Amino acid sequence: KAEPKPTDSQPPETFEEVAVEKHFEFPAYKAADINALRNRFLPHDFKGMIKAILEIEAPLSEDLLLKRIVGCFGREKVTSAVQRDYEQQMYGYQRYGIIRRNGFLYLDNGKEVQFRGSGDIERDIKQIAPEELAAGMFEILNQNVTVDKTGLYRSLAAQCGIARVGRAINEAMDSALNVLNDRIVIVDEQISIK
């Protein structure tokens, strides 16, 4: 018995499987209630207030923090006088388990840094710690086998609420990628987990 011949109207059978892109969302950034904490801690325990903020928001950009607590210094804008007062108030911060590194504040509590997407407040890419961006990258890599560097940057930027990836975004993402150096492999702009 002869096999039926495929006709022009019958497409040849293919065995392609469409890869389904996994969509997931990172937890949203939660901001501390500065006014409530200010009423609870000030005027006597400035570092206690900062620690309470960090328990909700760490890692936190000192630049962003200062803009949000400028009222604690009786001002509306961050000036050199505000920065000087902040530095004086932060004296001895280590005793509170606070770590200051490269313009960011962390808590020395052993908690792993998690990436947070856009949420209560808008953060500029420079106000997101490289370790936080790296955690987001690693999670995206965990969800995929291999990711194109440009696609990874765009995907993470979108999670930050950023539509266009320019030079500043690329520089911040490159710094974050460097944090992952010992955990990833990069071959021809393709990134995968070791």
C-alpha atoms as a PDB file:
ATOM      1  CA  LYS A   1       0.000   0.000   0.000  1.00  0.00           C
ATOM      2  CA  ALA A   2       1.491   3.367  -1.023  1.00  0.00           C
ATOM      3  CA  GLU A   3       1.732   6.352   1.370  1.00  0.00           C
ATOM      4  CA  PRO A   4      -0.437   9.310   0.396  1.00  0.00           C
ATOM      5  CA  LYS A   5       1.633  12.089  -1.139  1.00  0.00           C
ATOM      6  CA  PRO A   6       1.384  15.528   0.439  1.00  0.00           C
ATOM      7  CA  THR A   7      -0.509  17.930  -1.756  1.00  0.00           C
ATOM      8  CA  ASP A   8       0.247  21.603  -2.218  1.00  0.00           C
ATOM      9  CA  SER A   9      -2.662  22.462   0.085  1.00  0.00           C
ATOM     10  CA  GLN A  10      -1.225  20.379   2.941  1.00  0.00           C
ATOM     11  CA  PRO A  11       1.713  22.000   4.814  1.00  0.00           C
ATOM     12  CA  PRO A  12       4.501  19.634   5.831  1.00  0.00           C
ATOM     13  CA  GLU A  13       4.346  18.570   9.461  1.00  0.00           C
ATOM     14  CA  THR A  14       6.749  20.401  11.759  1.00  0.00           C
ATOM     15  CA  PHE A  15       7.768  19.634  15.278  1.00  0.00           C
ATOM     16  CA  GLU A  16       8.667  23.090  16.525  1.00  0.00           C
ATOM     17  CA  GLU A  17       7.833  23.923  20.079  1.00  0.00           C
ATOM     18  CA  VAL A  18       7.107  27.526  20.878  1.00  0.00           C
ATOM     19  CA  ALA A  19       9.060  28.672  23.916  1.00  0.00           C
ATOM     20  CA  VAL A  20       6.773  30.407  26.362  1.00  0.00           C
ATOM     21  CA  GLU A  21       8.350  33.429  27.968  1.00  0.00           C
ATOM     22  CA  LYS A  22       7.882  33.339  31.717  1.00  0.00           C
ATOM     23  CA  HIS A  23       6.406  36.559  33.023  1.00  0.00           C
ATOM     24  CA  PHE A  24       6.970  37.387  36.649  1.00  0.00           C
ATOM     25  CA  GLU A  25       6.905  40.490  38.714  1.00  0.00           C
ATOM     26  CA  PHE A  26       9.254  41.561  41.405  1.00  0.00           C
ATOM     27  CA  PRO A  27       7.853  42.851  44.679  1.00  0.00           C
ATOM     28  CA  ALA A  28       7.126  46.576  44.569  1.00  0.00           C
ATOM     29  CA  TYR A  29       9.314  49.050  46.434  1.00  0.00           C
ATOM     30  CA  LYS A  30       7.750  49.874  49.793  1.00  0.00           C
ATOM     31  CA  ALA A  31       8.590  53.251  51.302  1.00  0.00           C
ATOM     32  CA  ALA A  32       8.774  53.869  55.025  1.00  0.00           C
ATOM     33  CA  ASP A  33       6.369  56.394  56.534  1.00  0.00           C
ATOM     34  CA  ILE A  34       8.944  59.106  57.218  1.00  0.00           C
ATOM     35  CA  ASN A  35       6.527  61.344  59.154  1.00  0.00           C
ATOM     36  CA  ALA A  36       5.464  58.560  61.528  1.00  0.00           C
ATOM     37  CA  LEU A  37       9.085  57.542  62.128  1.00  0.00           C
ATOM     38  CA  ARG A  38      10.125  61.154  62.549  1.00  0.00           C
ATOM     39  CA  ASN A  39       7.489  61.637  65.256  1.00  0.00           C
ATOM     40  CA  ARG A  40       8.557  58.427  66.980  1.00  0.00           C
ATOM     41  CA  PHE A  41      12.345  58.964  66.982  1.00  0.00           C
ATOM     42  CA  LEU A  42      13.168  62.651  66.718  1.00  0.00           C
ATOM     43  CA  PRO A  43      14.676  64.785  68.174  1.00  0.00           C
ATOM     44  CA  HIS A  44      16.630  62.298  70.315  1.00  0.00           C
ATOM     45  CA  ASP A  45      17.372  59.294  68.082  1.00  0.00           C
ATOM     46  CA  PHE A  46      18.208  60.267  64.496  1.00  0.00           C
ATOM     47  CA  LYS A  47      20.178  57.060  63.796  1.00  0.00           C
ATOM     48  CA  GLY A  48      17.329  55.009  65.272  1.00  0.00           C
ATOM     49  CA  MET A  49      14.998  56.639  62.749  1.00  0.00           C
ATOM     50  CA  ILE A  50      17.423  55.893  59.917  1.00  0.00           C
ATOM     51  CA  LYS A  51      17.677  52.264  61.042  1.00  0.00           C
ATOM     52  CA  ALA A  52      13.867  51.983  61.133  1.00  0.00           C
ATOM     53  CA  ILE A  53      13.709  53.359  57.571  1.00  0.00           C
ATOM     54  CA  LEU A  54      16.386  50.875  56.471  1.00  0.00           C
ATOM     55  CA  GLU A  55      14.488  47.963  58.013  1.00  0.00           C
ATOM     56  CA  ILE A  56      11.846  48.684  55.359  1.00  0.00           C
ATOM     57  CA  GLU A  57      13.917  50.094  52.489  1.00  0.00           C
ATOM     58  CA  ALA A  58      17.533  48.818  52.641  1.00  0.00           C
ATOM     59  CA  PRO A  59      19.557  49.104  50.530  1.00  0.00           C
ATOM     60  CA  LEU A  60      18.760  52.789  50.251  1.00  0.00           C
ATOM     61  CA  SER A  61      20.453  55.584  48.324  1.00  0.00           C
ATOM     62  CA  GLU A  62      21.698  58.282  50.706  1.00  0.00           C
ATOM     63  CA  ASP A  63      20.834  60.850  48.028  1.00  0.00           C
ATOM     64  CA  LEU A  64      17.215  59.666  47.936  1.00  0.00           C
ATOM     65  CA  LEU A  65      17.067  59.433  51.737  1.00  0.00           C
ATOM     66  CA  LEU A  66      18.300  63.009  52.179  1.00  0.00           C
ATOM     67  CA  LYS A  67      15.698  64.322  49.730  1.00  0.00           C
ATOM     68  CA  ARG A  68      12.983  62.569  51.740  1.00  0.00           C
ATOM     69  CA  ILE A  69      14.171  63.592  55.224  1.00  0.00           C
ATOM     70  CA  VAL A  70      15.308  67.135  54.419  1.00  0.00           C
ATOM     71  CA  GLY A  71      12.437  68.431  56.578  1.00  0.00           C
ATOM     72  CA  CYS A  72      14.170  66.910  59.633  1.00  0.00           C
ATOM     73  CA  PHE A  73      16.806  69.621  59.164  1.00  0.00           C
ATOM     74  CA  GLY A  74      14.261  72.435  58.860  1.00  0.00           C
ATOM     75  CA  ARG A  75      14.886  72.837  55.137  1.00  0.00           C
ATOM     76  CA  GLU A  76      13.070  72.170  51.870  1.00  0.00           C
ATOM     77  CA  LYS A  77      16.113  71.442  49.700  1.00  0.00           C
ATOM     78  CA  VAL A  78      19.270  69.437  50.270  1.00  0.00           C
ATOM     79  CA  THR A  79      22.036  72.010  50.711  1.00  0.00           C
ATOM     80  CA  SER A  80      25.630  71.702  51.872  1.00  0.00           C
ATOM     81  CA  ALA A  81      24.433  72.732  55.352  1.00  0.00           C
ATOM     82  CA  VAL A  82      21.913  69.851  55.318  1.00  0.00           C
ATOM     83  CA  GLN A  83      24.619  67.424  54.175  1.00  0.00           C
ATOM     84  CA  ARG A  84      26.934  68.639  56.934  1.00  0.00           C
ATOM     85  CA  ASP A  85      24.191  68.241  59.572  1.00  0.00           C
ATOM     86  CA  TYR A  86      23.373  64.772  58.211  1.00  0.00           C
ATOM     87  CA  GLU A  87      27.038  63.721  58.489  1.00  0.00           C
ATOM     88  CA  GLN A  88      27.126  64.954  62.105  1.00  0.00           C
ATOM     89  CA  GLN A  89      23.893  63.120  62.941  1.00  0.00           C
ATOM     90  CA  MET A  90      25.217  59.911  61.361  1.00  0.00           C
ATOM     91  CA  TYR A  91      28.352  59.890  63.536  1.00  0.00           C
ATOM     92  CA  GLY A  92      28.560  56.453  65.196  1.00  0.00           C
ATOM     93  CA  TYR A  93      26.077  54.861  62.748  1.00  0.00           C
ATOM     94  CA  GLN A  94      27.984  51.539  62.879  1.00  0.00           C
ATOM     95  CA  ARG A  95      26.693  50.877  66.420  1.00  0.00           C
ATOM     96  CA  TYR A  96      23.186  50.724  64.917  1.00  0.00           C
ATOM     97  CA  GLY A  97      24.170  48.011  62.439  1.00  0.00           C
ATOM     98  CA  ILE A  98      24.148  50.501  59.563  1.00  0.00           C
ATOM     99  CA  ILE A  99      26.669  50.142  56.744  1.00  0.00           C
ATOM    100  CA  ARG A 100      27.536  53.055  54.430  1.00  0.00           C
ATOM    101  CA  ARG A 101      29.056  52.053  51.103  1.00  0.00           C
ATOM    102  CA  ASN A 102      29.336  53.924  47.795  1.00  0.00           C
ATOM    103  CA  GLY A 103      26.437  56.275  48.511  1.00  0.00           C
ATOM    104  CA  PHE A 104      24.086  53.558  49.798  1.00  0.00           C
ATOM    105  CA  LEU A 105      22.951  52.507  53.243  1.00  0.00           C
ATOM    106  CA  TYR A 106      22.628  48.841  54.186  1.00  0.00           C
ATOM    107  CA  LEU A 107      21.753  46.996  57.370  1.00  0.00           C
ATOM    108  CA  ASP A 108      24.211  44.533  58.851  1.00  0.00           C
ATOM    109  CA  ASN A 109      21.478  41.955  59.438  1.00  0.00           C
ATOM    110  CA  GLY A 110      22.601  39.147  57.122  1.00  0.00           C
ATOM    111  CA  LYS A 111      19.496  39.488  54.940  1.00  0.00           C
ATOM    112  CA  GLU A 112      20.082  38.883  51.256  1.00  0.00           C
ATOM    113  CA  VAL A 113      19.484  41.934  49.053  1.00  0.00           C
ATOM    114  CA  GLN A 114      16.307  41.574  46.973  1.00  0.00           C
ATOM    115  CA  PHE A 115      15.372  43.522  43.857  1.00  0.00           C
ATOM    116  CA  ARG A 116      12.249  45.682  44.139  1.00  0.00           C
ATOM    117  CA  GLY A 117      10.363  46.967  41.133  1.00  0.00           C
ATOM    118  CA  SER A 118       8.785  50.396  40.906  1.00  0.00           C
ATOM    119  CA  GLY A 119       6.449  51.058  43.802  1.00  0.00           C
ATOM    120  CA  ASP A 120       5.675  53.697  46.423  1.00  0.00           C
ATOM    121  CA  ILE A 121       8.358  56.126  45.242  1.00  0.00           C
ATOM    122  CA  GLU A 122      10.107  56.610  41.944  1.00  0.00           C
ATOM    123  CA  ARG A 123      13.818  55.813  42.048  1.00  0.00           C
ATOM    124  CA  ASP A 124      16.334  56.997  39.498  1.00  0.00           C
ATOM    125  CA  ILE A 125      18.611  54.169  38.299  1.00  0.00           C
ATOM    126  CA  LYS A 126      21.490  55.765  40.249  1.00  0.00           C
ATOM    127  CA  GLN A 127      19.361  55.428  43.400  1.00  0.00           C
ATOM    128  CA  ILE A 128      19.194  51.629  43.116  1.00  0.00           C
ATOM    129  CA  ALA A 129      22.142  49.792  44.664  1.00  0.00           C
ATOM    130  CA  PRO A 130      24.222  47.660  42.273  1.00  0.00           C
ATOM    131  CA  GLU A 131      23.592  44.652  44.537  1.00  0.00           C
ATOM    132  CA  GLU A 132      19.835  45.152  44.177  1.00  0.00           C
ATOM    133  CA  LEU A 133      20.052  45.398  40.382  1.00  0.00           C
ATOM    134  CA  ALA A 134      22.292  42.306  40.398  1.00  0.00           C
ATOM    135  CA  ALA A 135      19.674  40.391  42.422  1.00  0.00           C
ATOM    136  CA  GLY A 136      17.073  41.302  39.790  1.00  0.00           C
ATOM    137  CA  MET A 137      19.363  40.208  36.977  1.00  0.00           C
ATOM    138  CA  PHE A 138      20.066  36.912  38.694  1.00  0.00           C
ATOM    139  CA  GLU A 139      16.345  36.244  39.130  1.00  0.00           C
ATOM    140  CA  ILE A 140      15.715  36.941  35.426  1.00  0.00           C
ATOM    141  CA  LEU A 141      18.608  34.606  34.551  1.00  0.00           C
ATOM    142  CA  ASN A 142      17.123  31.971  36.872  1.00  0.00           C
ATOM    143  CA  GLN A 143      13.845  32.137  34.928  1.00  0.00           C
ATOM    144  CA  ASN A 144      15.580  31.712  31.559  1.00  0.00           C
ATOM    145  CA  VAL A 145      18.392  29.495  30.347  1.00  0.00           C
ATOM    146  CA  THR A 146      20.371  32.193  28.571  1.00  0.00           C
ATOM    147  CA  VAL A 147      19.647  35.880  28.110  1.00  0.00           C
ATOM    148  CA  ASP A 148      20.982  38.436  25.662  1.00  0.00           C
ATOM    149  CA  LYS A 149      22.714  41.259  27.571  1.00  0.00           C
ATOM    150  CA  THR A 150      20.640  43.982  25.889  1.00  0.00           C
ATOM    151  CA  GLY A 151      17.420  42.078  26.566  1.00  0.00           C
ATOM    152  CA  LEU A 152      18.405  41.562  30.206  1.00  0.00           C
ATOM    153  CA  TYR A 153      19.097  45.270  30.663  1.00  0.00           C
ATOM    154  CA  ARG A 154      15.816  46.254  28.976  1.00  0.00           C
ATOM    155  CA  SER A 155      13.806  43.747  30.989  1.00  0.00           C
ATOM    156  CA  LEU A 156      15.242  44.924  34.301  1.00  0.00           C
ATOM    157  CA  ALA A 157      14.920  48.605  33.335  1.00  0.00           C
ATOM    158  CA  ALA A 158      11.239  48.008  32.555  1.00  0.00           C
ATOM    159  CA  GLN A 159      10.816  46.540  36.056  1.00  0.00           C
ATOM    160  CA  CYS A 160      12.280  49.812  37.379  1.00  0.00           C
ATOM    161  CA  GLY A 161       9.707  51.782  35.397  1.00  0.00           C
ATOM    162  CA  ILE A 162      12.289  52.937  32.840  1.00  0.00           C
ATOM    163  CA  ALA A 163      11.245  52.870  29.188  1.00  0.00           C
ATOM    164  CA  ARG A 164      14.493  53.801  27.411  1.00  0.00           C
ATOM    165  CA  VAL A 165      17.899  52.330  28.099  1.00  0.00           C
ATOM    166  CA  GLY A 166      20.542  55.009  27.599  1.00  0.00           C
ATOM    167  CA  ARG A 167      24.156  55.468  28.668  1.00  0.00           C
ATOM    168  CA  ALA A 168      23.435  56.042  32.385  1.00  0.00           C
ATOM    169  CA  ILE A 169      21.215  52.954  32.520  1.00  0.00           C
ATOM    170  CA  ASN A 170      23.826  50.832  30.725  1.00  0.00           C
ATOM    171  CA  GLU A 171      26.541  52.010  33.140  1.00  0.00           C
ATOM    172  CA  ALA A 172      24.402  51.147  36.173  1.00  0.00           C
ATOM    173  CA  MET A 173      23.541  47.757  34.673  1.00  0.00           C
ATOM    174  CA  ASP A 174      27.218  47.073  33.856  1.00  0.00           C
ATOM    175  CA  SER A 175      28.111  47.753  37.513  1.00  0.00           C
ATOM    176  CA  ALA A 176      25.374  45.371  38.618  1.00  0.00           C
ATOM    177  CA  LEU A 177      26.543  42.714  36.167  1.00  0.00           C
ATOM    178  CA  ASN A 178      30.045  42.988  37.658  1.00  0.00           C
ATOM    179  CA  VAL A 179      28.568  42.069  41.051  1.00  0.00           C
ATOM    180  CA  LEU A 180      27.531  38.740  39.475  1.00  0.00           C
ATOM    181  CA  ASN A 181      30.928  38.004  37.845  1.00  0.00           C
ATOM    182  CA  ASP A 182      31.587  34.847  39.869  1.00  0.00           C
ATOM    183  CA  ARG A 183      28.050  33.479  39.294  1.00  0.00           C
ATOM    184  CA  ILE A 184      27.559  34.000  35.538  1.00  0.00           C
ATOM    185  CA  VAL A 185      29.146  33.233  32.173  1.00  0.00           C
ATOM    186  CA  ILE A 186      29.122  35.731  29.292  1.00  0.00           C
ATOM    187  CA  VAL A 187      29.780  34.499  25.757  1.00  0.00           C
ATOM    188  CA  ASP A 188      29.155  36.847  22.817  1.00  0.00           C
ATOM    189  CA  GLU A 189      26.728  39.061  24.797  1.00  0.00           C
ATOM    190  CA  GLN A 190      24.795  35.933  25.893  1.00  0.00           C
ATOM    191  CA  ILE A 191      24.604  35.582  29.674  1.00  0.00           C
ATOM    192  CA  SER A 192      23.877  32.427  31.617  1.00  0.00           C
ATOM    193  CA  ILE A 193      24.309  31.162  35.169  1.00  0.00           C
ATOM    194  CA  LYS A 194      27.454  29.116  35.883  1.00  0.00           C
END
